[in-house]
Amino acid sequence: MEPTIRTERTFGVTAALSPVQRRNLHNLLHSEIWPDLCDVLEMVCIETETVLINTDPADRSKVLENHKMAKASWQIFEHMQTRVHEEAARFLASVAPEPLVPRLTPEEMAADHLLSAILPPPDEHDGIM
């Protein structure tokens, strides 16, 4: 089976990512796969630099062309990483909003429990027992 390689624009890709896509990027970013993917992409950047290094200095147009490719490779690599981090942060912000009321301290929970017996007692890990 031949791998699918995108060589041109795909309809709808310029739109905002869906919550599922953001979740998938968050999962990728925090998986053991992410460093491997970054390594492969970095290797591609190094390969483009190697082409530049091995270009005949007398061929000025080829040197300029390969320099542009090497520079663009690193810029795309860095931008891709930044974008994945941003989208993962947007996912987290959408699923874990900041609470409107600050969390009670263990002392406040113990005081509330004393005043109202229907409230559950504070847990041991809250520091009061």
Protein backbone atom coordinates (compact mmCIF):
# COMPACT_ATOMS: atom_id res chain seq x y z
CA MET A 1 0.00 0.00 0.00
CA GLU A 2 1.41 3.35 -1.04
CA PRO A 3 1.56 6.06 1.63
CA THR A 4 -0.64 9.10 1.13
CA ILE A 5 1.49 12.19 0.58
CA ARG A 6 -0.19 15.57 0.23
CA THR A 7 1.29 17.54 -2.63
CA GLU A 8 -1.35 20.24 -2.93
CA ARG A 9 -3.86 22.13 -0.85
CA THR A 10 -6.77 20.26 0.70
CA PHE A 11 -10.26 21.78 0.83
CA GLY A 12 -11.14 23.09 4.30
CA VAL A 13 -7.65 22.99 5.79
CA THR A 14 -7.43 26.78 6.07
CA ALA A 15 -10.39 26.79 8.45
CA ALA A 16 -9.98 26.55 12.23
CA LEU A 17 -9.23 23.13 13.65
CA SER A 18 -12.05 21.15 15.20
CA PRO A 19 -12.01 20.23 18.89
CA VAL A 20 -11.23 16.63 17.91
CA GLN A 21 -8.24 17.74 15.82
CA ARG A 22 -6.96 19.85 18.71
CA ARG A 23 -7.39 16.90 21.08
CA ASN A 24 -5.45 14.69 18.68
CA LEU A 25 -2.61 17.23 18.50
CA HIS A 26 -2.57 17.48 22.30
CA ASN A 27 -2.34 13.69 22.52
CA LEU A 28 0.42 13.61 19.90
CA LEU A 29 2.38 16.34 21.68
CA HIS A 30 2.30 14.38 24.95
CA SER A 31 2.96 10.97 23.43
CA GLU A 32 6.19 9.08 22.89
CA ILE A 33 5.69 9.67 19.14
CA TRP A 34 6.23 13.46 19.27
CA PRO A 35 10.02 13.38 19.84
CA ASP A 36 10.39 10.81 17.05
CA LEU A 37 8.38 12.97 14.65
CA CYS A 38 10.48 16.03 15.56
CA ASP A 39 13.65 13.99 15.00
CA VAL A 40 12.53 12.98 11.51
CA LEU A 41 11.58 16.55 10.61
CA GLU A 42 14.89 17.84 11.97
CA MET A 43 16.70 15.23 9.86
CA VAL A 44 14.94 16.64 6.78
CA CYS A 45 16.17 20.12 7.71
CA ILE A 46 19.71 18.81 8.13
CA GLU A 47 19.49 17.08 4.76
CA THR A 48 18.58 20.37 3.08
CA GLU A 49 21.51 22.04 4.83
CA THR A 50 23.80 19.25 3.64
CA VAL A 51 22.70 19.88 0.06
CA LEU A 52 23.60 23.56 0.57
CA ILE A 53 27.00 22.68 2.05
CA ASN A 54 27.78 20.38 -0.87
CA THR A 55 26.74 22.92 -3.51
CA ASP A 56 29.50 24.18 -5.77
CA PRO A 57 30.27 27.73 -4.52
CA ALA A 58 30.90 28.85 -8.10
CA ASP A 59 27.22 28.22 -8.96
CA ARG A 60 25.79 31.30 -7.24
CA SER A 61 22.18 30.71 -8.28
CA LYS A 62 22.24 27.13 -6.98
CA VAL A 63 23.83 28.29 -3.70
CA LEU A 64 21.09 30.90 -3.28
CA GLU A 65 18.39 28.38 -4.17
CA ASN A 66 19.68 25.81 -1.68
CA HIS A 67 20.16 28.46 1.00
CA LYS A 68 16.50 29.49 0.61
CA MET A 69 15.41 25.84 0.87
CA ALA A 70 17.51 25.22 4.00
CA LYS A 71 16.25 28.40 5.66
CA ALA A 72 12.64 27.64 4.74
CA SER A 73 12.95 24.07 6.07
CA TRP A 74 14.02 25.28 9.51
CA GLN A 75 11.35 28.00 9.57
CA ILE A 76 8.61 25.51 8.70
CA PHE A 77 9.93 23.05 11.30
CA GLU A 78 9.94 25.69 14.03
CA HIS A 79 6.54 27.07 13.01
CA MET A 80 5.00 23.59 12.96
CA GLN A 81 6.19 22.93 16.51
CA THR A 82 4.90 26.29 17.73
CA ARG A 83 1.54 25.74 16.05
CA VAL A 84 1.10 22.26 17.56
CA HIS A 85 1.87 23.66 21.03
CA GLU A 86 -0.62 26.51 20.48
CA GLU A 87 -3.39 24.20 19.28
CA ALA A 88 -2.79 21.83 22.21
CA ALA A 89 -3.04 24.80 24.59
CA ARG A 90 -6.30 25.87 22.93
CA PHE A 91 -7.65 22.35 23.47
CA LEU A 92 -6.74 22.44 27.16
CA ALA A 93 -8.28 25.87 27.56
CA SER A 94 -11.52 24.58 26.05
CA VAL A 95 -11.83 21.56 28.35
CA ALA A 96 -10.46 22.95 31.59
CA PRO A 97 -11.77 26.46 32.09
CA GLU A 98 -10.64 28.38 35.13
CA PRO A 99 -13.09 28.08 38.02
CA LEU A 100 -15.10 31.19 38.78
CA VAL A 101 -14.77 30.65 42.53
CA PRO A 102 -11.41 29.80 44.09
CA ARG A 103 -11.06 26.34 45.63
CA LEU A 104 -11.60 26.17 49.38
CA THR A 105 -8.56 25.66 51.54
CA PRO A 106 -8.49 22.54 53.75
CA GLU A 107 -9.24 24.74 56.79
CA GLU A 108 -12.27 26.27 55.05
CA MET A 109 -13.55 22.79 54.08
CA ALA A 110 -13.20 21.61 57.70
CA ALA A 111 -15.07 24.69 58.95
CA ASP A 112 -17.85 24.15 56.38
CA HIS A 113 -18.14 20.50 57.45
CA LEU A 114 -18.50 21.53 61.12
CA LEU A 115 -21.24 24.01 60.21
CA SER A 116 -23.14 21.63 57.93
CA ALA A 117 -23.07 17.92 58.69
CA ILE A 118 -24.43 17.06 55.22
CA LEU A 119 -21.19 18.22 53.57
CA PRO A 120 -18.62 15.47 53.15
CA PRO A 121 -15.65 15.58 55.51
CA PRO A 122 -12.37 16.78 54.00
CA ASP A 123 -10.16 14.04 52.55
CA GLU A 124 -6.91 13.03 54.22
CA HIS A 125 -4.93 14.35 51.24
CA ASP A 126 -6.48 17.80 51.81
CA GLY A 127 -4.40 18.11 54.97
CA ILE A 128 -7.20 18.15 57.60
CA MET A 129 -8.58 15.17 59.46
